[in-house]
N, C-alpha and C. Protein backbone atom coordinates (compact mmCIF):
# COMPACT_ATOMS: atom_id res chain seq x y z
N UNK A 1 64.65 146.88 162.97
CA UNK A 1 65.94 146.46 162.64
C UNK A 1 66.57 147.43 161.57
N UNK A 2 67.80 147.89 162.05
CA UNK A 2 68.34 149.01 161.19
C UNK A 2 68.75 148.57 159.68
N UNK A 3 69.15 147.28 159.61
CA UNK A 3 69.56 146.78 158.23
C UNK A 3 68.37 146.79 157.27
N UNK A 4 67.14 146.81 157.64
CA UNK A 4 65.96 146.77 156.84
C UNK A 4 65.31 148.03 156.73
N UNK A 5 66.02 149.18 157.14
CA UNK A 5 65.40 150.48 156.90
C UNK A 5 65.35 150.98 155.54
N UNK A 6 64.28 151.44 155.15
CA UNK A 6 63.92 151.65 153.81
C UNK A 6 65.05 152.72 153.22
N UNK A 7 65.23 153.75 154.11
CA UNK A 7 66.17 154.67 153.70
C UNK A 7 67.56 154.42 153.51
N UNK A 8 68.11 153.41 154.30
CA UNK A 8 69.48 152.99 154.29
C UNK A 8 69.65 151.82 153.32
N UNK A 9 68.66 150.94 153.08
CA UNK A 9 68.65 149.74 152.30
C UNK A 9 69.08 150.03 150.96
N UNK A 10 68.46 151.13 150.40
CA UNK A 10 68.83 151.41 149.01
C UNK A 10 70.31 151.77 148.80
N UNK A 11 70.81 152.58 149.67
CA UNK A 11 72.20 152.86 149.61
C UNK A 11 73.09 151.78 149.89
N UNK A 12 72.67 150.81 150.64
CA UNK A 12 73.54 149.54 150.82
C UNK A 12 73.47 148.71 149.55
N UNK A 13 72.38 148.62 148.79
CA UNK A 13 72.34 147.88 147.62
C UNK A 13 73.19 148.42 146.69
N UNK A 14 73.01 149.96 146.47
CA UNK A 14 73.90 150.55 145.55
C UNK A 14 75.45 150.33 145.69
N UNK A 15 75.82 150.57 147.00
CA UNK A 15 77.34 150.44 147.16
C UNK A 15 77.82 148.91 147.09
N UNK A 16 76.90 147.87 147.34
CA UNK A 16 77.28 146.49 147.03
C UNK A 16 77.37 146.25 145.64
N UNK A 17 76.50 146.97 144.73
CA UNK A 17 76.46 146.64 143.23
C UNK A 17 77.64 147.30 142.81
N UNK A 18 77.97 148.63 143.23
CA UNK A 18 78.96 149.29 142.70
C UNK A 18 80.16 148.66 143.04
N UNK A 19 80.49 148.14 144.22
CA UNK A 19 81.77 147.56 144.61
C UNK A 19 82.00 146.25 143.79
N UNK A 20 80.79 145.41 143.76
CA UNK A 20 81.00 144.12 143.02
C UNK A 20 81.25 144.43 141.55
N UNK A 21 80.63 145.46 140.87
CA UNK A 21 81.03 145.63 139.43
C UNK A 21 82.45 146.25 139.25
N UNK A 22 82.82 147.06 140.31
CA UNK A 22 84.26 147.55 140.25
C UNK A 22 85.27 146.24 140.28
N UNK A 23 85.03 145.46 141.30
CA UNK A 23 86.03 144.38 141.37
C UNK A 23 85.85 143.41 140.26
N UNK A 24 84.81 143.23 139.78
CA UNK A 24 84.67 142.28 138.56
C UNK A 24 85.41 142.84 137.32
N UNK A 25 85.22 144.22 137.04
CA UNK A 25 85.78 144.76 135.84
C UNK A 25 87.34 144.79 136.03
N UNK A 26 87.76 145.06 137.28
CA UNK A 26 89.14 145.05 137.70
C UNK A 26 89.79 143.77 137.45
N UNK A 27 89.16 142.77 137.93
CA UNK A 27 89.72 141.34 137.70
C UNK A 27 89.77 141.08 136.28
N UNK A 28 88.59 141.49 135.59
CA UNK A 28 88.50 141.17 134.11
C UNK A 28 89.73 141.64 133.37
N UNK A 29 89.86 143.03 133.69
CA UNK A 29 90.87 143.74 132.77
C UNK A 29 92.31 143.21 133.12
N UNK A 30 92.78 143.06 134.49
CA UNK A 30 93.99 142.78 134.75
C UNK A 30 94.38 141.33 134.83
N UNK A 31 93.55 140.48 135.61
CA UNK A 31 93.89 139.17 135.88
C UNK A 31 93.46 138.24 134.65
N UNK A 32 92.52 138.51 134.01
CA UNK A 32 91.97 137.60 132.92
C UNK A 32 93.11 137.89 131.85
N UNK A 33 93.59 139.07 131.46
CA UNK A 33 94.47 139.22 130.57
C UNK A 33 95.82 138.57 130.91
N UNK A 34 96.30 138.61 132.14
CA UNK A 34 97.58 137.94 132.39
C UNK A 34 97.34 136.26 132.33
N UNK A 35 96.20 135.81 132.64
CA UNK A 35 95.94 134.39 132.62
C UNK A 35 95.79 133.94 131.03
N UNK A 36 95.27 134.90 130.25
CA UNK A 36 95.33 134.38 128.86
C UNK A 36 96.62 134.36 128.18
N UNK A 37 97.56 135.51 128.53
CA UNK A 37 98.80 135.54 128.06
C UNK A 37 99.67 134.21 128.54
N UNK A 38 99.46 133.88 129.83
CA UNK A 38 100.30 132.67 130.31
C UNK A 38 99.86 131.44 129.55
N UNK A 39 98.50 131.17 129.43
CA UNK A 39 98.11 129.94 128.67
C UNK A 39 98.46 129.91 127.15
N UNK A 40 98.60 131.23 126.52
CA UNK A 40 99.06 131.21 125.27
C UNK A 40 100.34 130.86 125.23
N UNK A 41 101.24 131.33 126.18
CA UNK A 41 102.61 131.11 126.15
C UNK A 41 102.97 129.60 126.37
N UNK A 42 102.11 129.01 127.30
CA UNK A 42 102.33 127.61 127.68
C UNK A 42 102.04 126.71 126.44
N UNK A 43 100.97 127.12 125.57
CA UNK A 43 100.59 126.40 124.44
C UNK A 43 101.69 126.42 123.43
N UNK A 44 102.28 127.58 123.23
CA UNK A 44 103.38 127.87 122.27
C UNK A 44 104.58 126.94 122.77
N UNK A 45 104.91 127.04 124.03
CA UNK A 45 106.00 126.18 124.42
C UNK A 45 105.89 124.80 124.24
N UNK A 46 104.68 124.29 124.62
CA UNK A 46 104.27 122.81 124.33
C UNK A 46 104.33 122.53 123.00
N UNK A 47 103.91 123.27 121.97
CA UNK A 47 103.94 122.83 120.53
C UNK A 47 105.39 123.04 120.15
N UNK A 48 106.17 123.94 120.58
CA UNK A 48 107.69 123.93 120.13
C UNK A 48 108.50 122.77 120.65
N UNK A 49 107.94 122.43 121.81
CA UNK A 49 108.73 121.02 122.49
C UNK A 49 108.37 119.98 121.61
N UNK A 50 107.14 119.81 121.36
CA UNK A 50 106.68 118.55 120.61
C UNK A 50 107.34 118.63 119.17
N UNK A 51 107.49 119.80 118.61
CA UNK A 51 107.99 119.81 117.25
C UNK A 51 109.59 119.50 117.23
N UNK A 52 110.16 120.05 118.33
CA UNK A 52 111.71 119.88 118.46
C UNK A 52 112.00 118.23 118.73
N UNK A 53 111.16 117.75 119.53
CA UNK A 53 111.44 116.37 119.86
C UNK A 53 110.56 115.26 119.02
N UNK A 54 110.22 115.64 117.74
CA UNK A 54 109.52 114.92 116.99
C UNK A 54 110.30 113.75 116.47
N UNK A 55 111.53 114.07 116.05
CA UNK A 55 112.41 113.10 115.53
C UNK A 55 112.75 111.88 116.53
N UNK A 56 113.07 112.40 117.86
CA UNK A 56 113.33 111.45 118.92
C UNK A 56 112.13 110.50 119.33
N UNK A 57 111.12 111.22 119.30
CA UNK A 57 109.81 110.48 119.65
C UNK A 57 109.36 109.50 118.65
N UNK A 58 109.69 109.75 117.27
CA UNK A 58 109.25 108.88 116.28
C UNK A 58 110.17 107.58 116.32
N UNK A 59 111.43 107.77 116.82
CA UNK A 59 112.31 106.52 116.94
C UNK A 59 111.86 105.79 118.14
N UNK A 60 111.35 106.36 119.27
CA UNK A 60 110.84 105.65 120.35
C UNK A 60 109.58 104.98 120.09
N UNK A 61 108.70 105.57 119.22
CA UNK A 61 107.41 105.16 119.00
C UNK A 61 107.58 103.73 118.12
N UNK A 62 108.47 103.93 117.22
CA UNK A 62 108.67 102.68 116.27
C UNK A 62 109.26 101.53 117.08
N UNK A 63 110.13 101.75 118.03
CA UNK A 63 110.57 100.69 118.95
C UNK A 63 109.39 100.06 119.72
N UNK A 64 108.48 100.95 120.40
CA UNK A 64 107.47 100.59 121.22
C UNK A 64 106.28 99.94 120.42
N UNK A 65 106.29 100.27 119.20
CA UNK A 65 104.97 99.78 118.49
C UNK A 65 105.14 98.28 118.24
N UNK A 66 106.34 97.67 118.18
CA UNK A 66 106.57 96.18 117.97
C UNK A 66 106.04 95.46 119.25
N UNK A 67 106.13 96.00 120.48
CA UNK A 67 105.68 95.45 121.65
C UNK A 67 104.22 95.23 121.84
N UNK A 68 103.69 94.22 122.32
CA UNK A 68 102.27 93.85 122.56
C UNK A 68 101.76 94.65 123.55
N UNK A 69 100.58 95.18 123.42
CA UNK A 69 100.01 96.00 124.50
C UNK A 69 99.30 95.12 125.70
């Protein structure tokens, strides 16, 4: 069977590993950087939203705290 030929098998292994490593580092460099930026921005926006609405939420919490659970 040609896929198990010793002379072509090593070349197939090399091309597979080279392609996988290229795609891995490409994704790591571009996509992981964009995902980390997106999550940092979402965290900053959530903290800013909570900080801005702290006064309004404290009034709501005092009203709801008198209700039984």
